[in-house]
Amino acid sequence: MTTGKRFAQRTKDHSDERVLDARARAVLNALHAEPRGRVLQAYLRAMGRAKG
């Protein structure tokens, strides 16, 4: 069950179709800030899977 579904069940608020949790929002913001061609590396870094 996703965070959005839990929120909708808990609050009985079904007006928003999707609610992102803090981690997902942080990852998406990090990816959006990266220049083209470096998004995959940023994703791996954000998920803690980067080879170093």
PDB file of N, CA and C in Angstrom:
ATOM      1  N   MET A   1       0.853  -1.169   0.000  1.00  0.00           N
ATOM      2  CA  MET A   1       0.000   0.000   0.000  1.00  0.00           C
ATOM      3  C   MET A   1       0.900   1.233   0.000  1.00  0.00           C
ATOM      4  N   THR A   2       0.583   2.209  -0.814  1.00  0.00           N
ATOM      5  CA  THR A   2       1.419   3.400  -0.931  1.00  0.00           C
ATOM      6  C   THR A   2       1.069   4.431   0.132  1.00  0.00           C
ATOM      7  N   THR A   3       1.960   5.385   0.284  1.00  0.00           N
ATOM      8  CA  THR A   3       1.748   6.462   1.258  1.00  0.00           C
ATOM      9  C   THR A   3       0.484   7.245   0.928  1.00  0.00           C
ATOM     10  N   GLY A   4       0.242   7.487  -0.338  1.00  0.00           N
ATOM     11  CA  GLY A   4      -0.949   8.231  -0.735  1.00  0.00           C
ATOM     12  C   GLY A   4      -2.242   7.522  -0.371  1.00  0.00           C
ATOM     13  N   LYS A   5      -2.256   6.210  -0.541  1.00  0.00           N
ATOM     14  CA  LYS A   5      -3.456   5.442  -0.187  1.00  0.00           C
ATOM     15  C   LYS A   5      -3.686   5.445   1.314  1.00  0.00           C
ATOM     16  N   ARG A   6      -2.585   5.331   2.073  1.00  0.00           N
ATOM     17  CA  ARG A   6      -2.717   5.384   3.534  1.00  0.00           C
ATOM     18  C   ARG A   6      -3.256   6.736   3.976  1.00  0.00           C
ATOM     19  N   PHE A   7      -2.737   7.802   3.378  1.00  0.00           N
ATOM     20  CA  PHE A   7      -3.191   9.154   3.715  1.00  0.00           C
ATOM     21  C   PHE A   7      -4.674   9.310   3.411  1.00  0.00           C
ATOM     22  N   ALA A   8      -5.088   8.834   2.260  1.00  0.00           N
ATOM     23  CA  ALA A   8      -6.496   8.958   1.866  1.00  0.00           C
ATOM     24  C   ALA A   8      -7.399   8.163   2.806  1.00  0.00           C
ATOM     25  N   GLN A   9      -6.960   6.985   3.204  1.00  0.00           N
ATOM     26  CA  GLN A   9      -7.764   6.180   4.121  1.00  0.00           C
ATOM     27  C   GLN A   9      -7.833   6.822   5.509  1.00  0.00           C
ATOM     28  N   ARG A  10      -6.706   7.363   5.957  1.00  0.00           N
ATOM     29  CA  ARG A  10      -6.648   7.938   7.296  1.00  0.00           C
ATOM     30  C   ARG A  10      -7.465   9.221   7.384  1.00  0.00           C
ATOM     31  N   THR A  11      -7.408  10.051   6.359  1.00  0.00           N
ATOM     32  CA  THR A  11      -8.058  11.358   6.418  1.00  0.00           C
ATOM     33  C   THR A  11      -9.397  11.385   5.696  1.00  0.00           C
ATOM     34  N   LYS A  12      -9.716  10.321   4.983  1.00  0.00           N
ATOM     35  CA  LYS A  12     -10.932  10.266   4.158  1.00  0.00           C
ATOM     36  C   LYS A  12     -10.922  11.355   3.088  1.00  0.00           C
ATOM     37  N   ASP A  13      -9.716  11.799   2.742  1.00  0.00           N
ATOM     38  CA  ASP A  13      -9.545  12.843   1.730  1.00  0.00           C
ATOM     39  C   ASP A  13      -9.111  12.173   0.433  1.00  0.00           C
ATOM     40  N   HIS A  14      -9.957  12.173  -0.543  1.00  0.00           N
ATOM     41  CA  HIS A  14      -9.641  11.563  -1.837  1.00  0.00           C
ATOM     42  C   HIS A  14      -9.519  12.607  -2.933  1.00  0.00           C
ATOM     43  N   SER A  15      -9.303  13.874  -2.557  1.00  0.00           N
ATOM     44  CA  SER A  15      -9.213  14.930  -3.552  1.00  0.00           C
ATOM     45  C   SER A  15      -7.888  14.890  -4.309  1.00  0.00           C
ATOM     46  N   ASP A  16      -6.812  14.541  -3.625  1.00  0.00           N
ATOM     47  CA  ASP A  16      -5.514  14.435  -4.288  1.00  0.00           C
ATOM     48  C   ASP A  16      -5.333  13.019  -4.789  1.00  0.00           C
ATOM     49  N   GLU A  17      -4.916  12.916  -6.043  1.00  0.00           N
ATOM     50  CA  GLU A  17      -4.724  11.585  -6.605  1.00  0.00           C
ATOM     51  C   GLU A  17      -3.456  10.933  -6.086  1.00  0.00           C
ATOM     52  N   ARG A  18      -2.432  11.737  -5.855  1.00  0.00           N
ATOM     53  CA  ARG A  18      -1.160  11.164  -5.415  1.00  0.00           C
ATOM     54  C   ARG A  18      -0.536  12.038  -4.334  1.00  0.00           C
ATOM     55  N   VAL A  19       0.028  11.392  -3.362  1.00  0.00           N
ATOM     56  CA  VAL A  19       0.755  12.073  -2.300  1.00  0.00           C
ATOM     57  C   VAL A  19       2.122  11.412  -2.217  1.00  0.00           C
ATOM     58  N   LEU A  20       3.169  12.213  -2.330  1.00  0.00           N
ATOM     59  CA  LEU A  20       4.519  11.663  -2.276  1.00  0.00           C
ATOM     60  C   LEU A  20       5.057  11.727  -0.857  1.00  0.00           C
ATOM     61  N   ASP A  21       5.760  10.699  -0.454  1.00  0.00           N
ATOM     62  CA  ASP A  21       6.414  10.763   0.848  1.00  0.00           C
ATOM     63  C   ASP A  21       7.683  11.609   0.717  1.00  0.00           C
ATOM     64  N   ALA A  22       8.277  11.938   1.842  1.00  0.00           N
ATOM     65  CA  ALA A  22       9.412  12.854   1.854  1.00  0.00           C
ATOM     66  C   ALA A  22      10.601  12.304   1.066  1.00  0.00           C
ATOM     67  N   ARG A  23      10.845  11.004   1.156  1.00  0.00           N
ATOM     68  CA  ARG A  23      11.992  10.432   0.440  1.00  0.00           C
ATOM     69  C   ARG A  23      11.793  10.509  -1.076  1.00  0.00           C
ATOM     70  N   ALA A  24      10.600  10.154  -1.540  1.00  0.00           N
ATOM     71  CA  ALA A  24      10.330  10.207  -2.978  1.00  0.00           C
ATOM     72  C   ALA A  24      10.436  11.638  -3.488  1.00  0.00           C
ATOM     73  N   ARG A  25       9.916  12.592  -2.736  1.00  0.00           N
ATOM     74  CA  ARG A  25       9.987  13.996  -3.146  1.00  0.00           C
ATOM     75  C   ARG A  25      11.438  14.464  -3.203  1.00  0.00           C
ATOM     76  N   ALA A  26      12.264  14.064  -2.224  1.00  0.00           N
ATOM     77  CA  ALA A  26      13.670  14.457  -2.210  1.00  0.00           C
ATOM     78  C   ALA A  26      14.413  13.878  -3.408  1.00  0.00           C
ATOM     79  N   VAL A  27      14.142  12.621  -3.738  1.00  0.00           N
ATOM     80  CA  VAL A  27      14.794  11.990  -4.889  1.00  0.00           C
ATOM     81  C   VAL A  27      14.385  12.699  -6.178  1.00  0.00           C
ATOM     82  N   LEU A  28      13.120  12.977  -6.351  1.00  0.00           N
ATOM     83  CA  LEU A  28      12.667  13.656  -7.559  1.00  0.00           C
ATOM     84  C   LEU A  28      13.250  15.061  -7.680  1.00  0.00           C
ATOM     85  N   ASN A  29      13.341  15.770  -6.572  1.00  0.00           N
ATOM     86  CA  ASN A  29      13.943  17.104  -6.603  1.00  0.00           C
ATOM     87  C   ASN A  29      15.418  17.035  -6.965  1.00  0.00           C
ATOM     88  N   ALA A  30      16.130  16.042  -6.444  1.00  0.00           N
ATOM     89  CA  ALA A  30      17.544  15.872  -6.774  1.00  0.00           C
ATOM     90  C   ALA A  30      17.720  15.562  -8.252  1.00  0.00           C
ATOM     91  N   LEU A  31      16.863  14.727  -8.798  1.00  0.00           N
ATOM     92  CA  LEU A  31      16.961  14.383 -10.220  1.00  0.00           C
ATOM     93  C   LEU A  31      16.642  15.581 -11.103  1.00  0.00           C
ATOM     94  N   HIS A  32      15.674  16.361 -10.694  1.00  0.00           N
ATOM     95  CA  HIS A  32      15.275  17.530 -11.486  1.00  0.00           C
ATOM     96  C   HIS A  32      16.393  18.572 -11.550  1.00  0.00           C
ATOM     97  N   ALA A  33      17.209  18.648 -10.514  1.00  0.00           N
ATOM     98  CA  ALA A  33      18.274  19.646 -10.453  1.00  0.00           C
ATOM     99  C   ALA A  33      19.502  19.248 -11.266  1.00  0.00           C
ATOM    100  N   GLU A  34      19.604  18.004 -11.662  1.00  0.00           N
ATOM    101  CA  GLU A  34      20.778  17.528 -12.397  1.00  0.00           C
ATOM    102  C   GLU A  34      20.724  17.929 -13.864  1.00  0.00           C
ATOM    103  N   PRO A  35      21.894  18.195 -14.446  1.00  0.00           N
ATOM    104  CA  PRO A  35      21.928  18.483 -15.886  1.00  0.00           C
ATOM    105  C   PRO A  35      21.667  17.216 -16.697  1.00  0.00           C
ATOM    106  N   ARG A  36      21.276  17.417 -17.928  1.00  0.00           N
ATOM    107  CA  ARG A  36      20.982  16.297 -18.817  1.00  0.00           C
ATOM    108  C   ARG A  36      22.205  15.379 -18.952  1.00  0.00           C
ATOM    109  N   GLY A  37      21.957  14.097 -18.898  1.00  0.00           N
ATOM    110  CA  GLY A  37      23.029  13.124 -19.030  1.00  0.00           C
ATOM    111  C   GLY A  37      23.609  12.664 -17.701  1.00  0.00           C
ATOM    112  N   ARG A  38      23.233  13.296 -16.600  1.00  0.00           N
ATOM    113  CA  ARG A  38      23.767  12.926 -15.303  1.00  0.00           C
ATOM    114  C   ARG A  38      22.670  12.445 -14.353  1.00  0.00           C
ATOM    115  N   VAL A  39      21.476  12.254 -14.872  1.00  0.00           N
ATOM    116  CA  VAL A  39      20.329  11.904 -14.038  1.00  0.00           C
ATOM    117  C   VAL A  39      20.468  10.495 -13.456  1.00  0.00           C
ATOM    118  N   LEU A  40      20.947   9.549 -14.245  1.00  0.00           N
ATOM    119  CA  LEU A  40      21.097   8.185 -13.742  1.00  0.00           C
ATOM    120  C   LEU A  40      22.071   8.137 -12.564  1.00  0.00           C
ATOM    121  N   GLN A  41      23.203   8.833 -12.679  1.00  0.00           N
ATOM    122  CA  GLN A  41      24.161   8.862 -11.580  1.00  0.00           C
ATOM    123  C   GLN A  41      23.539   9.505 -10.344  1.00  0.00           C
ATOM    124  N   ALA A  42      22.756  10.558 -10.529  1.00  0.00           N
ATOM    125  CA  ALA A  42      22.090  11.219  -9.401  1.00  0.00           C
ATOM    126  C   ALA A  42      21.070  10.288  -8.752  1.00  0.00           C
ATOM    127  N   TYR A  43      20.356   9.533  -9.559  1.00  0.00           N
ATOM    128  CA  TYR A  43      19.379   8.580  -9.024  1.00  0.00           C
ATOM    129  C   TYR A  43      20.070   7.510  -8.180  1.00  0.00           C
ATOM    130  N   LEU A  44      21.150   6.961  -8.708  1.00  0.00           N
ATOM    131  CA  LEU A  44      21.880   5.929  -7.978  1.00  0.00           C
ATOM    132  C   LEU A  44      22.454   6.482  -6.681  1.00  0.00           C
ATOM    133  N   ARG A  45      22.966   7.721  -6.722  1.00  0.00           N
ATOM    134  CA  ARG A  45      23.475   8.357  -5.503  1.00  0.00           C
ATOM    135  C   ARG A  45      22.363   8.541  -4.480  1.00  0.00           C
ATOM    136  N   ALA A  46      21.208   9.021  -4.932  1.00  0.00           N
ATOM    137  CA  ALA A  46      20.095   9.285  -4.030  1.00  0.00           C
ATOM    138  C   ALA A  46      19.551   7.990  -3.413  1.00  0.00           C
ATOM    139  N   MET A  47      19.629   6.898  -4.150  1.00  0.00           N
ATOM    140  CA  MET A  47      19.132   5.623  -3.640  1.00  0.00           C
ATOM    141  C   MET A  47      20.222   4.860  -2.873  1.00  0.00           C
ATOM    142  N   GLY A  48      21.429   5.416  -2.814  1.00  0.00           N
ATOM    143  CA  GLY A  48      22.506   4.777  -2.069  1.00  0.00           C
ATOM    144  C   GLY A  48      23.118   3.595  -2.780  1.00  0.00           C
ATOM    145  N   ARG A  49      23.043   3.571  -4.093  1.00  0.00           N
ATOM    146  CA  ARG A  49      23.563   2.430  -4.853  1.00  0.00           C
ATOM    147  C   ARG A  49      24.724   2.804  -5.769  1.00  0.00           C
ATOM    148  N   ALA A  50      25.265   3.981  -5.561  1.00  0.00           N
ATOM    149  CA  ALA A  50      26.355   4.432  -6.439  1.00  0.00           C
ATOM    150  C   ALA A  50      27.628   3.664  -6.121  1.00  0.00           C
ATOM    151  N   LYS A  51      28.363   3.341  -7.172  1.00  0.00           N
ATOM    152  CA  LYS A  51      29.674   2.708  -6.972  1.00  0.00           C
ATOM    153  C   LYS A  51      30.680   3.813  -6.759  1.00  0.00           C
ATOM    154  N   GLY A  52      31.526   3.648  -5.781  1.00  0.00           N
ATOM    155  CA  GLY A  52      32.488   4.715  -5.490  1.00  0.00           C
ATOM    156  C   GLY A  52      33.801   4.194  -5.332  1.00  0.00           C
TER     157      GLY A  52
END
